Amino acid sequence: MSGRDIVLESGTRDWGNLAFWGGNNIDLTQAMGPGRIVTLTLHAIMGGNNVFVPEGVRVIDQSVAIMAGNDIKRRAQGDGSNGTLVLKGFLWWGGNDVKLAE
């Protein structure tokens, strides 16, 4: 039931995490950019992460969920002009929130 603030640096292509009864705040503003593809493998069991993306990032959800799911906020779903985020992982009674970075 804890978490931390994580900033993924430019050049990060893949990153993974397990959230169990908690989660992290994951900032992708430095990692994303035109033409970049970042894959997050985020497993969540009764927990989840907050993922913050800059404007223009296309989000593709390839996660497997049981009584769970990812919530991609409308404002966070971009046209791909600032890169693509691919979400993968196993979700059970939890999920991740993808939000626009402010």
Foldseek 3Di string as FASTA:
>chain_A
DDEEEAEDAAPAAEDEDEAECEEYEYECAHHWAAPHEHEYAYAYELYEYEYEYAAAEAEAEPEAEDCEEEAEDPRQHHDQRGHYYYYYYYYYNYYYYYYYDD
